[in-house]
């Protein structure tokens, strides 16, 4: 028997969860290098190396982080909601929510909404739906870091090495928290996350 093409592709994309976890760890290592570069820039009082940062964010492990996180999110248990959370989030219409539901039933998606929290962030200023995929927070912060670098390249004088350092620290902290969630879930990673 041959599985349907969609099912076979799904299985093929998850051949090695350890490899996907390794991609996430490689992204964390890239962030550490970026932190060092920005720290040096702050110490020397120089402008941030924006083109280098853009290159690092758009290639390699950091560019692959969203795809890796989406893969891992599919295997991570959602934390059970408390009664008040369930009541609040159940009152949000599925047409506007766009979230994945318990037991992996995909809800209705809004056009142009790639991640669960895109719509909620628009409405609630990044208030997180507790049912959102665990990577939502880190991926939104990574996107904001990329937006900041792009603003700096366009000449926005508000973008500084010090400010970007805070953004990178934020992404790093959220990535560490995400890896802890991954490691404490039903996915058993072979190695702990280095701090």
N, C-alpha and C. Protein backbone atom coordinates (compact mmCIF):
# COMPACT_ATOMS: atom_id res chain seq x y z
N UNK A 1 0.83 -1.19 0.00
CA UNK A 1 0.00 0.00 0.00
C UNK A 1 0.87 1.25 0.00
N UNK A 2 0.46 2.22 -0.76
CA UNK A 2 1.16 3.48 -0.84
C UNK A 2 0.30 4.55 -0.18
N UNK A 3 0.87 5.31 0.77
CA UNK A 3 0.07 6.37 1.41
C UNK A 3 -0.20 7.49 0.41
N UNK A 4 -1.27 8.24 0.65
CA UNK A 4 -1.52 9.41 -0.21
C UNK A 4 -0.31 10.34 -0.20
N UNK A 5 -0.13 11.08 -1.30
CA UNK A 5 1.05 11.95 -1.45
C UNK A 5 1.18 12.95 -0.31
N UNK A 6 0.07 13.54 0.11
CA UNK A 6 0.12 14.54 1.19
C UNK A 6 0.59 13.90 2.49
N UNK A 7 0.11 12.69 2.76
CA UNK A 7 0.52 12.00 3.98
C UNK A 7 1.99 11.59 3.90
N UNK A 8 2.43 11.12 2.75
CA UNK A 8 3.83 10.73 2.57
C UNK A 8 4.74 11.94 2.73
N UNK A 9 4.36 13.08 2.17
CA UNK A 9 5.17 14.30 2.31
C UNK A 9 5.23 14.73 3.75
N UNK A 10 4.11 14.59 4.48
CA UNK A 10 4.08 14.97 5.88
C UNK A 10 5.04 14.11 6.69
N UNK A 11 5.03 12.82 6.47
CA UNK A 11 5.92 11.91 7.18
C UNK A 11 7.37 12.21 6.81
N UNK A 12 7.65 12.45 5.53
CA UNK A 12 9.02 12.71 5.09
C UNK A 12 9.58 13.98 5.73
N UNK A 13 8.71 14.95 5.99
CA UNK A 13 9.20 16.21 6.55
C UNK A 13 9.55 16.09 8.03
N UNK A 14 9.18 14.98 8.67
CA UNK A 14 9.44 14.80 10.09
C UNK A 14 10.33 13.59 10.36
N UNK A 15 11.21 13.30 9.44
CA UNK A 15 12.06 12.13 9.59
C UNK A 15 12.88 12.21 10.86
N UNK A 16 13.47 13.34 11.14
CA UNK A 16 14.32 13.45 12.31
C UNK A 16 13.97 14.69 13.13
N UNK A 17 13.26 14.48 14.21
CA UNK A 17 12.94 15.60 15.09
C UNK A 17 14.19 16.14 15.76
N UNK A 18 15.15 15.27 16.03
CA UNK A 18 16.42 15.73 16.61
C UNK A 18 17.10 16.74 15.67
N UNK A 19 17.00 16.50 14.35
CA UNK A 19 17.60 17.43 13.39
C UNK A 19 16.88 18.77 13.42
N UNK A 20 15.57 18.75 13.60
CA UNK A 20 14.81 20.00 13.67
C UNK A 20 15.17 20.76 14.96
N UNK A 21 15.28 20.02 16.07
CA UNK A 21 15.68 20.66 17.33
C UNK A 21 17.09 21.23 17.18
N UNK A 22 17.96 20.52 16.47
CA UNK A 22 19.32 21.02 16.22
C UNK A 22 19.29 22.32 15.43
N UNK A 23 18.35 22.45 14.48
CA UNK A 23 18.20 23.70 13.72
C UNK A 23 17.86 24.85 14.67
N UNK A 24 16.99 24.59 15.61
CA UNK A 24 16.59 25.64 16.57
C UNK A 24 17.78 26.03 17.44
N UNK A 25 18.55 25.04 17.86
CA UNK A 25 19.75 25.35 18.65
C UNK A 25 20.77 26.13 17.83
N UNK A 26 20.90 25.81 16.54
CA UNK A 26 21.82 26.55 15.67
C UNK A 26 21.37 28.01 15.55
N UNK A 27 20.07 28.24 15.52
CA UNK A 27 19.54 29.62 15.48
C UNK A 27 19.92 30.34 16.76
N UNK A 28 19.85 29.65 17.89
CA UNK A 28 20.25 30.25 19.17
C UNK A 28 21.72 30.62 19.15
N UNK A 29 22.55 29.77 18.55
CA UNK A 29 23.98 30.06 18.45
C UNK A 29 24.22 31.28 17.56
N UNK A 30 23.45 31.39 16.47
CA UNK A 30 23.56 32.56 15.60
C UNK A 30 23.20 33.84 16.37
N UNK A 31 22.17 33.76 17.18
CA UNK A 31 21.79 34.93 17.98
C UNK A 31 22.89 35.34 18.94
N UNK A 32 23.59 34.36 19.49
CA UNK A 32 24.72 34.66 20.38
C UNK A 32 25.81 35.42 19.63
N UNK A 33 26.09 35.01 18.40
CA UNK A 33 27.09 35.72 17.58
C UNK A 33 26.64 37.15 17.29
N UNK A 34 25.36 37.31 16.99
CA UNK A 34 24.82 38.65 16.73
C UNK A 34 24.93 39.51 17.99
N UNK A 35 24.64 38.92 19.15
CA UNK A 35 24.77 39.66 20.42
C UNK A 35 26.21 40.14 20.61
N UNK A 36 27.17 39.30 20.30
CA UNK A 36 28.59 39.67 20.46
C UNK A 36 28.97 40.81 19.51
N UNK A 37 28.50 40.73 18.27
CA UNK A 37 28.80 41.78 17.29
C UNK A 37 28.20 43.11 17.74
N UNK A 38 26.95 43.07 18.19
CA UNK A 38 26.29 44.30 18.63
C UNK A 38 26.91 44.84 19.92
N UNK A 39 27.32 43.96 20.81
CA UNK A 39 27.99 44.39 22.04
C UNK A 39 29.29 45.13 21.71
N UNK A 40 30.03 44.61 20.75
CA UNK A 40 31.26 45.28 20.32
C UNK A 40 30.94 46.63 19.71
N UNK A 41 29.90 46.70 18.91
CA UNK A 41 29.49 47.95 18.29
C UNK A 41 29.09 48.99 19.34
N UNK A 42 28.37 48.54 20.38
CA UNK A 42 27.99 49.45 21.47
C UNK A 42 29.23 49.94 22.20
N UNK A 43 30.15 49.03 22.51
CA UNK A 43 31.38 49.39 23.23
C UNK A 43 32.23 50.39 22.46
N UNK A 44 32.29 50.23 21.14
CA UNK A 44 33.10 51.12 20.31
C UNK A 44 32.34 52.39 19.90
N UNK A 45 31.04 52.40 20.14
CA UNK A 45 30.24 53.56 19.75
C UNK A 45 30.04 53.67 18.26
N UNK A 46 30.04 52.55 17.57
CA UNK A 46 29.88 52.56 16.11
C UNK A 46 28.44 52.24 15.72
N UNK A 47 28.13 52.53 14.49
CA UNK A 47 26.81 52.21 13.95
C UNK A 47 26.67 50.69 13.84
N UNK A 48 25.46 50.18 13.96
CA UNK A 48 25.28 48.74 13.85
C UNK A 48 25.61 48.24 12.44
N UNK A 49 26.17 47.05 12.33
CA UNK A 49 26.48 46.48 11.01
C UNK A 49 25.21 45.92 10.37
N UNK A 50 24.37 46.81 9.88
CA UNK A 50 23.03 46.44 9.44
C UNK A 50 23.01 45.44 8.29
N UNK A 51 23.88 45.63 7.31
CA UNK A 51 23.88 44.70 6.17
C UNK A 51 24.30 43.30 6.61
N UNK A 52 25.26 43.23 7.51
CA UNK A 52 25.67 41.92 8.04
C UNK A 52 24.53 41.29 8.84
N UNK A 53 23.83 42.09 9.63
CA UNK A 53 22.71 41.57 10.41
C UNK A 53 21.60 41.06 9.49
N UNK A 54 21.32 41.82 8.44
CA UNK A 54 20.29 41.40 7.49
C UNK A 54 20.67 40.07 6.86
N UNK A 55 21.95 39.93 6.50
CA UNK A 55 22.41 38.69 5.89
C UNK A 55 22.26 37.52 6.87
N UNK A 56 22.62 37.74 8.13
CA UNK A 56 22.51 36.67 9.14
C UNK A 56 21.06 36.29 9.39
N UNK A 57 20.16 37.28 9.37
CA UNK A 57 18.75 37.01 9.63
C UNK A 57 18.05 36.35 8.43
N UNK A 58 18.59 36.57 7.24
CA UNK A 58 17.91 36.06 6.04
C UNK A 58 18.56 34.82 5.45
N UNK A 59 19.55 34.27 6.13
CA UNK A 59 20.17 33.03 5.65
C UNK A 59 20.56 32.18 6.84
N UNK A 60 20.80 30.93 6.59
CA UNK A 60 21.26 30.05 7.65
C UNK A 60 20.19 29.69 8.65
N UNK A 61 20.64 29.40 9.86
CA UNK A 61 19.76 28.87 10.90
C UNK A 61 18.63 29.83 11.29
N UNK A 62 18.91 31.12 11.33
CA UNK A 62 17.85 32.07 11.71
C UNK A 62 16.77 32.16 10.64
N UNK A 63 17.15 32.06 9.39
CA UNK A 63 16.16 32.08 8.32
C UNK A 63 15.32 30.80 8.33
N UNK A 64 15.91 29.70 8.78
CA UNK A 64 15.21 28.42 8.83
C UNK A 64 14.39 28.23 10.11
N UNK A 65 14.58 29.12 11.08
CA UNK A 65 13.89 28.98 12.37
C UNK A 65 12.37 28.92 12.23
N UNK A 66 11.73 29.79 11.46
CA UNK A 66 10.27 29.70 11.38
C UNK A 66 9.78 28.34 10.90
N UNK A 67 10.41 27.81 9.88
CA UNK A 67 10.00 26.50 9.35
C UNK A 67 10.23 25.40 10.39
N UNK A 68 11.37 25.44 11.06
CA UNK A 68 11.67 24.44 12.09
C UNK A 68 10.66 24.53 13.23
N UNK A 69 10.34 25.74 13.64
CA UNK A 69 9.41 25.94 14.75
C UNK A 69 8.01 25.44 14.39
N UNK A 70 7.58 25.69 13.17
CA UNK A 70 6.26 25.21 12.75
C UNK A 70 6.23 23.68 12.79
N UNK A 71 7.32 23.06 12.38
CA UNK A 71 7.39 21.59 12.44
C UNK A 71 7.31 21.10 13.88
N UNK A 72 8.08 21.72 14.77
CA UNK A 72 8.08 21.29 16.17
C UNK A 72 6.74 21.56 16.85
N UNK A 73 6.14 22.68 16.52
CA UNK A 73 4.86 23.05 17.15
C UNK A 73 3.81 21.96 16.96
N UNK A 74 3.88 21.26 15.86
CA UNK A 74 2.89 20.23 15.58
C UNK A 74 2.99 19.05 16.53
N UNK A 75 4.11 18.93 17.23
CA UNK A 75 4.33 17.81 18.13
C UNK A 75 4.28 18.19 19.60
N UNK A 76 4.02 19.44 19.88
CA UNK A 76 4.04 19.91 21.27
C UNK A 76 2.61 19.97 21.79
N UNK A 77 2.44 19.43 22.99
CA UNK A 77 1.12 19.47 23.62
C UNK A 77 0.75 20.90 23.99
N UNK A 78 -0.50 21.24 23.79
CA UNK A 78 -1.00 22.53 24.27
C UNK A 78 -1.26 22.43 25.76
N UNK A 79 -0.93 23.46 26.47
CA UNK A 79 -1.24 23.49 27.91
C UNK A 79 -2.75 23.61 28.07
N UNK A 80 -3.31 22.91 29.03
CA UNK A 80 -4.76 23.03 29.23
C UNK A 80 -5.12 24.44 29.69
N UNK A 81 -6.26 24.91 29.20
CA UNK A 81 -6.72 26.25 29.58
C UNK A 81 -7.43 26.20 30.91
N UNK A 82 -7.29 27.29 31.67
CA UNK A 82 -8.09 27.42 32.88
C UNK A 82 -9.50 27.80 32.45
N UNK A 83 -10.46 27.65 33.35
CA UNK A 83 -11.86 27.90 33.00
C UNK A 83 -12.08 29.30 32.44
N UNK A 84 -11.47 30.31 33.08
CA UNK A 84 -11.68 31.69 32.62
C UNK A 84 -11.07 31.91 31.24
N UNK A 85 -9.91 31.27 30.97
CA UNK A 85 -9.30 31.40 29.64
C UNK A 85 -10.17 30.74 28.58
N UNK A 86 -10.68 29.57 28.91
CA UNK A 86 -11.54 28.86 27.97
C UNK A 86 -12.78 29.70 27.64
N UNK A 87 -13.38 30.31 28.67
CA UNK A 87 -14.57 31.14 28.46
C UNK A 87 -14.26 32.34 27.58
N UNK A 88 -13.13 33.00 27.84
CA UNK A 88 -12.77 34.19 27.06
C UNK A 88 -12.48 33.83 25.62
N UNK A 89 -11.63 32.83 25.41
CA UNK A 89 -11.22 32.51 24.05
C UNK A 89 -12.29 31.77 23.27
N UNK A 90 -13.22 31.11 23.96
CA UNK A 90 -14.34 30.48 23.27
C UNK A 90 -15.30 31.53 22.74
N UNK A 91 -15.28 32.71 23.33
CA UNK A 91 -16.18 33.76 22.89
C UNK A 91 -15.69 34.46 21.62
N UNK A 92 -14.44 34.22 21.23
CA UNK A 92 -13.90 34.82 20.02
C UNK A 92 -14.32 33.96 18.84
N UNK A 93 -14.93 34.56 17.85
CA UNK A 93 -15.42 33.84 16.68
C UNK A 93 -14.29 33.13 15.96
N UNK A 94 -14.51 31.90 15.53
CA UNK A 94 -13.50 31.14 14.79
C UNK A 94 -13.11 31.85 13.50
N UNK A 95 -14.04 32.58 12.89
CA UNK A 95 -13.71 33.29 11.65
C UNK A 95 -12.64 34.36 11.88
N UNK A 96 -12.60 34.94 13.07
CA UNK A 96 -11.59 35.95 13.35
C UNK A 96 -10.41 35.38 14.10
N UNK A 97 -10.61 34.28 14.78
CA UNK A 97 -9.55 33.71 15.60
C UNK A 97 -8.47 33.05 14.75
N UNK A 98 -8.85 32.19 13.83
CA UNK A 98 -7.87 31.54 12.96
C UNK A 98 -6.95 30.60 13.68
N UNK A 99 -7.33 30.12 14.86
CA UNK A 99 -6.40 29.30 15.64
C UNK A 99 -6.58 27.83 15.35
N UNK A 100 -5.57 27.07 15.74
CA UNK A 100 -5.73 25.62 15.65
C UNK A 100 -6.45 25.19 16.91
N UNK A 101 -7.29 24.23 16.80
CA UNK A 101 -8.08 23.78 17.93
C UNK A 101 -7.44 22.53 18.54
N UNK A 102 -7.93 22.15 19.68
CA UNK A 102 -7.45 20.96 20.37
C UNK A 102 -7.67 19.75 19.47
N UNK A 103 -6.83 18.76 19.57
CA UNK A 103 -6.85 17.53 18.79
C UNK A 103 -6.51 17.80 17.32
N UNK A 104 -5.71 18.81 17.09
CA UNK A 104 -5.16 19.12 15.76
C UNK A 104 -6.21 19.37 14.69
N UNK A 105 -7.39 19.84 15.07
CA UNK A 105 -8.39 20.21 14.08
C UNK A 105 -8.09 21.64 13.68
N UNK A 106 -7.82 21.85 12.42
CA UNK A 106 -7.46 23.18 11.96
C UNK A 106 -8.71 24.02 11.81
N UNK A 107 -8.69 25.21 12.36
CA UNK A 107 -9.82 26.12 12.25
C UNK A 107 -9.77 26.90 10.95
N UNK A 108 -10.74 27.75 10.76
CA UNK A 108 -10.80 28.60 9.59
C UNK A 108 -9.68 29.63 9.66
N UNK A 109 -9.00 29.83 8.57
CA UNK A 109 -7.91 30.80 8.54
C UNK A 109 -8.36 32.05 7.79
N UNK A 110 -7.88 33.18 8.27
CA UNK A 110 -8.13 34.44 7.57
C UNK A 110 -7.15 34.59 6.43
N UNK A 111 -7.55 35.17 5.31
CA UNK A 111 -6.60 35.40 4.22
C UNK A 111 -5.44 36.29 4.71
N UNK A 112 -4.22 35.89 4.42
CA UNK A 112 -3.05 36.68 4.78
C UNK A 112 -2.58 36.47 6.21
N UNK A 113 -3.25 35.62 7.00
CA UNK A 113 -2.83 35.36 8.37
C UNK A 113 -2.03 34.07 8.37
N UNK A 114 -0.71 34.20 8.54
CA UNK A 114 0.16 33.04 8.49
C UNK A 114 0.21 32.30 9.81
N UNK A 115 0.22 33.02 10.90
CA UNK A 115 0.36 32.42 12.22
C UNK A 115 -0.86 32.77 13.04
N UNK A 116 -1.14 31.99 14.03
CA UNK A 116 -2.33 32.18 14.84
C UNK A 116 -2.45 33.60 15.38
N UNK A 117 -1.38 34.15 15.89
CA UNK A 117 -1.48 35.43 16.57
C UNK A 117 -1.41 36.66 15.68
N UNK A 118 -1.25 36.50 14.38
CA UNK A 118 -1.19 37.68 13.53
C UNK A 118 -2.42 38.56 13.70
N UNK A 119 -3.60 37.96 13.67
CA UNK A 119 -4.81 38.74 13.83
C UNK A 119 -4.92 39.29 15.25
N UNK A 120 -4.66 38.43 16.24
CA UNK A 120 -4.78 38.88 17.62
C UNK A 120 -3.81 40.02 17.93
N UNK A 121 -2.60 39.95 17.37
CA UNK A 121 -1.65 41.03 17.61
C UNK A 121 -2.15 42.34 17.02
N UNK A 122 -2.81 42.25 15.89
CA UNK A 122 -3.37 43.45 15.28
C UNK A 122 -4.42 44.06 16.22
N UNK A 123 -5.26 43.23 16.79
CA UNK A 123 -6.36 43.71 17.63
C UNK A 123 -5.92 43.98 19.07
N UNK A 124 -5.17 43.05 19.65
CA UNK A 124 -4.84 43.13 21.07
C UNK A 124 -3.40 43.53 21.36
N UNK A 125 -2.68 44.06 20.39
CA UNK A 125 -1.31 44.48 20.59
C UNK A 125 -0.45 43.36 21.17
N UNK A 126 -0.45 42.25 20.47
CA UNK A 126 0.36 41.07 20.80
C UNK A 126 -0.05 40.37 22.08
N UNK A 127 -1.30 40.50 22.49
CA UNK A 127 -1.82 39.69 23.58
C UNK A 127 -1.92 38.27 23.03
N UNK A 128 -1.31 37.33 23.70
CA UNK A 128 -1.21 35.98 23.16
C UNK A 128 -2.38 35.09 23.51
N UNK A 129 -3.00 34.53 22.49
CA UNK A 129 -4.01 33.49 22.66
C UNK A 129 -3.28 32.29 23.27
N UNK A 130 -3.73 31.79 24.43
CA UNK A 130 -3.01 30.69 25.08
C UNK A 130 -3.00 29.41 24.26
N UNK A 131 -3.83 29.32 23.23
CA UNK A 131 -3.85 28.14 22.38
C UNK A 131 -2.94 28.30 21.18
N UNK A 132 -2.28 29.43 21.08
CA UNK A 132 -1.39 29.68 19.94
C UNK A 132 -0.22 28.70 19.98
N UNK A 133 0.35 28.40 18.81
CA UNK A 133 1.53 27.53 18.80
C UNK A 133 2.62 28.11 19.70
N UNK A 134 3.36 27.25 20.39
CA UNK A 134 4.37 27.73 21.34
C UNK A 134 5.43 28.65 20.74
N UNK A 135 5.68 28.53 19.46
CA UNK A 135 6.73 29.36 18.84
C UNK A 135 6.26 30.77 18.47
N UNK A 136 4.98 31.05 18.65
CA UNK A 136 4.44 32.33 18.20
C UNK A 136 5.22 33.52 18.74
N UNK A 137 5.47 33.53 20.03
CA UNK A 137 6.13 34.67 20.67
C UNK A 137 7.54 34.89 20.11
N UNK A 138 8.32 33.82 20.03
CA UNK A 138 9.69 33.97 19.53
C UNK A 138 9.70 34.36 18.05
N UNK A 139 8.79 33.82 17.26
CA UNK A 139 8.78 34.16 15.84
C UNK A 139 8.33 35.59 15.60
N UNK A 140 7.38 36.07 16.40
CA UNK A 140 6.99 37.48 16.27
C UNK A 140 8.13 38.41 16.67
N UNK A 141 8.87 38.06 17.72
CA UNK A 141 10.01 38.87 18.14
C UNK A 141 11.11 38.85 17.09
N UNK A 142 11.33 37.69 16.48
CA UNK A 142 12.33 37.59 15.40
C UNK A 142 11.92 38.47 14.22
N UNK A 143 10.64 38.46 13.91
CA UNK A 143 10.14 39.31 12.82
C UNK A 143 10.35 40.79 13.15
N UNK A 144 10.09 41.17 14.40
CA UNK A 144 10.29 42.56 14.81
C UNK A 144 11.77 42.95 14.72
N UNK A 145 12.66 42.03 15.07
CA UNK A 145 14.10 42.29 14.93
C UNK A 145 14.44 42.53 13.47
N UNK A 146 13.94 41.69 12.59
CA UNK A 146 14.17 41.87 11.16
C UNK A 146 13.61 43.20 10.66
N UNK A 147 12.44 43.57 11.17
CA UNK A 147 11.85 44.87 10.78
C UNK A 147 12.74 46.02 11.24
N UNK A 148 13.30 45.90 12.44
CA UNK A 148 14.19 46.95 12.95
C UNK A 148 15.44 47.08 12.10
N UNK A 149 16.02 45.96 11.71
CA UNK A 149 17.20 45.99 10.85
C UNK A 149 16.84 46.63 9.50
N UNK A 150 15.70 46.26 8.95
CA UNK A 150 15.27 46.84 7.67
C UNK A 150 15.06 48.35 7.79
N UNK A 151 14.50 48.79 8.91
CA UNK A 151 14.33 50.24 9.14
C UNK A 151 15.69 50.94 9.17
N UNK A 152 16.65 50.33 9.84
CA UNK A 152 17.99 50.90 9.91
C UNK A 152 18.64 51.00 8.55
N UNK A 153 18.46 49.97 7.73
CA UNK A 153 19.03 49.99 6.38
C UNK A 153 18.40 51.11 5.55
N UNK A 154 17.13 51.37 5.79
CA UNK A 154 16.46 52.47 5.07
C UNK A 154 16.85 53.84 5.61
N UNK A 155 17.67 53.86 6.67
CA UNK A 155 18.18 55.15 7.16
C UNK A 155 17.48 55.69 8.39
N UNK A 156 16.66 54.90 9.05
CA UNK A 156 15.96 55.36 10.24
C UNK A 156 16.99 55.57 11.37
N UNK A 157 17.13 56.80 11.81
CA UNK A 157 18.15 57.13 12.82
C UNK A 157 17.81 56.59 14.21
N UNK A 158 16.60 56.12 14.40
CA UNK A 158 16.22 55.56 15.71
C UNK A 158 16.82 54.17 15.93
N UNK A 159 17.32 53.54 14.89
CA UNK A 159 17.87 52.19 15.00
C UNK A 159 19.34 52.29 15.38
N UNK A 160 19.66 51.78 16.57
CA UNK A 160 21.03 51.85 17.09
C UNK A 160 21.50 50.45 17.49
N UNK A 161 22.79 50.33 17.69
CA UNK A 161 23.35 49.05 18.15
C UNK A 161 22.75 48.67 19.50
N UNK A 162 22.62 49.66 20.39
CA UNK A 162 22.07 49.38 21.71
C UNK A 162 20.62 48.90 21.62
N UNK A 163 19.83 49.56 20.82
CA UNK A 163 18.43 49.16 20.65
C UNK A 163 18.30 47.78 20.04
N UNK A 164 19.13 47.49 19.04
CA UNK A 164 19.10 46.17 18.43
C UNK A 164 19.57 45.10 19.41
N UNK A 165 20.48 45.46 20.31
CA UNK A 165 20.93 44.52 21.34
C UNK A 165 19.75 44.10 22.21
N UNK A 166 18.90 45.06 22.59
CA UNK A 166 17.72 44.72 23.39
C UNK A 166 16.79 43.78 22.61
N UNK A 167 16.63 44.03 21.32
CA UNK A 167 15.78 43.17 20.49
C UNK A 167 16.35 41.76 20.39
N UNK A 168 17.66 41.66 20.18
CA UNK A 168 18.30 40.34 20.09
C UNK A 168 18.20 39.61 21.43
N UNK A 169 18.39 40.34 22.52
CA UNK A 169 18.24 39.74 23.85
C UNK A 169 16.83 39.18 24.04
N UNK A 170 15.84 39.93 23.57
CA UNK A 170 14.44 39.50 23.67
C UNK A 170 14.22 38.21 22.88
N UNK A 171 14.70 38.18 21.65
CA UNK A 171 14.54 36.98 20.82
C UNK A 171 15.26 35.80 21.47
N UNK A 172 16.46 36.04 21.97
CA UNK A 172 17.24 34.96 22.61
C UNK A 172 16.52 34.40 23.83
N UNK A 173 16.00 35.28 24.66
CA UNK A 173 15.28 34.84 25.86
C UNK A 173 14.06 34.02 25.48
N UNK A 174 13.31 34.48 24.48
CA UNK A 174 12.11 33.76 24.06
C UNK A 174 12.47 32.45 23.38
N UNK A 175 13.60 32.41 22.68
CA UNK A 175 14.04 31.17 22.04
C UNK A 175 14.43 30.15 23.11
N UNK A 176 15.11 30.60 24.16
CA UNK A 176 15.45 29.70 25.27
C UNK A 176 14.18 29.13 25.91
N UNK A 177 13.20 29.98 26.12
CA UNK A 177 11.93 29.53 26.70
C UNK A 177 11.24 28.53 25.77
N UNK A 178 11.30 28.79 24.47
CA UNK A 178 10.69 27.87 23.50
C UNK A 178 11.38 26.51 23.54
N UNK A 179 12.70 26.50 23.59
CA UNK A 179 13.43 25.23 23.65
C UNK A 179 13.07 24.48 24.92
N UNK A 180 12.89 25.19 26.03
CA UNK A 180 12.47 24.53 27.27
C UNK A 180 11.10 23.89 27.11
N UNK A 181 10.21 24.57 26.42
CA UNK A 181 8.88 23.99 26.15
C UNK A 181 9.03 22.74 25.29
N UNK A 182 9.85 22.83 24.25
CA UNK A 182 10.07 21.68 23.38
C UNK A 182 10.62 20.50 24.18
N UNK A 183 11.61 20.77 25.02
CA UNK A 183 12.25 19.69 25.77
C UNK A 183 11.34 19.12 26.86
N UNK A 184 10.40 19.91 27.37
CA UNK A 184 9.52 19.40 28.41
C UNK A 184 8.24 18.78 27.84
N UNK A 185 8.08 18.86 26.53
CA UNK A 185 6.89 18.29 25.90
C UNK A 185 7.12 16.81 25.64
N UNK A 186 6.26 16.25 24.84
CA UNK A 186 6.40 14.83 24.53
C UNK A 186 7.55 14.56 23.58
N UNK A 187 8.18 15.60 23.02
CA UNK A 187 9.37 15.42 22.20
C UNK A 187 10.54 15.25 23.15
N UNK A 188 11.28 14.21 23.00
CA UNK A 188 12.45 14.00 23.85
C UNK A 188 13.68 14.36 23.03
N UNK A 189 14.30 15.46 23.39
CA UNK A 189 15.50 15.90 22.69
C UNK A 189 16.71 15.17 23.28
N UNK A 190 17.67 14.89 22.45
CA UNK A 190 18.81 14.10 22.91
C UNK A 190 19.79 14.89 23.75
N UNK A 191 19.81 16.21 23.59
CA UNK A 191 20.75 17.04 24.33
C UNK A 191 20.03 18.25 24.90
N UNK A 192 20.44 18.70 26.05
CA UNK A 192 19.85 19.88 26.66
C UNK A 192 20.29 21.15 25.95
N UNK A 193 19.54 22.20 26.16
CA UNK A 193 19.84 23.50 25.55
C UNK A 193 20.92 24.16 26.36
N UNK A 194 21.97 24.61 25.69
CA UNK A 194 23.08 25.26 26.38
C UNK A 194 22.76 26.70 26.65
N UNK A 195 23.04 27.14 27.86
CA UNK A 195 22.79 28.54 28.22
C UNK A 195 24.06 29.30 28.31
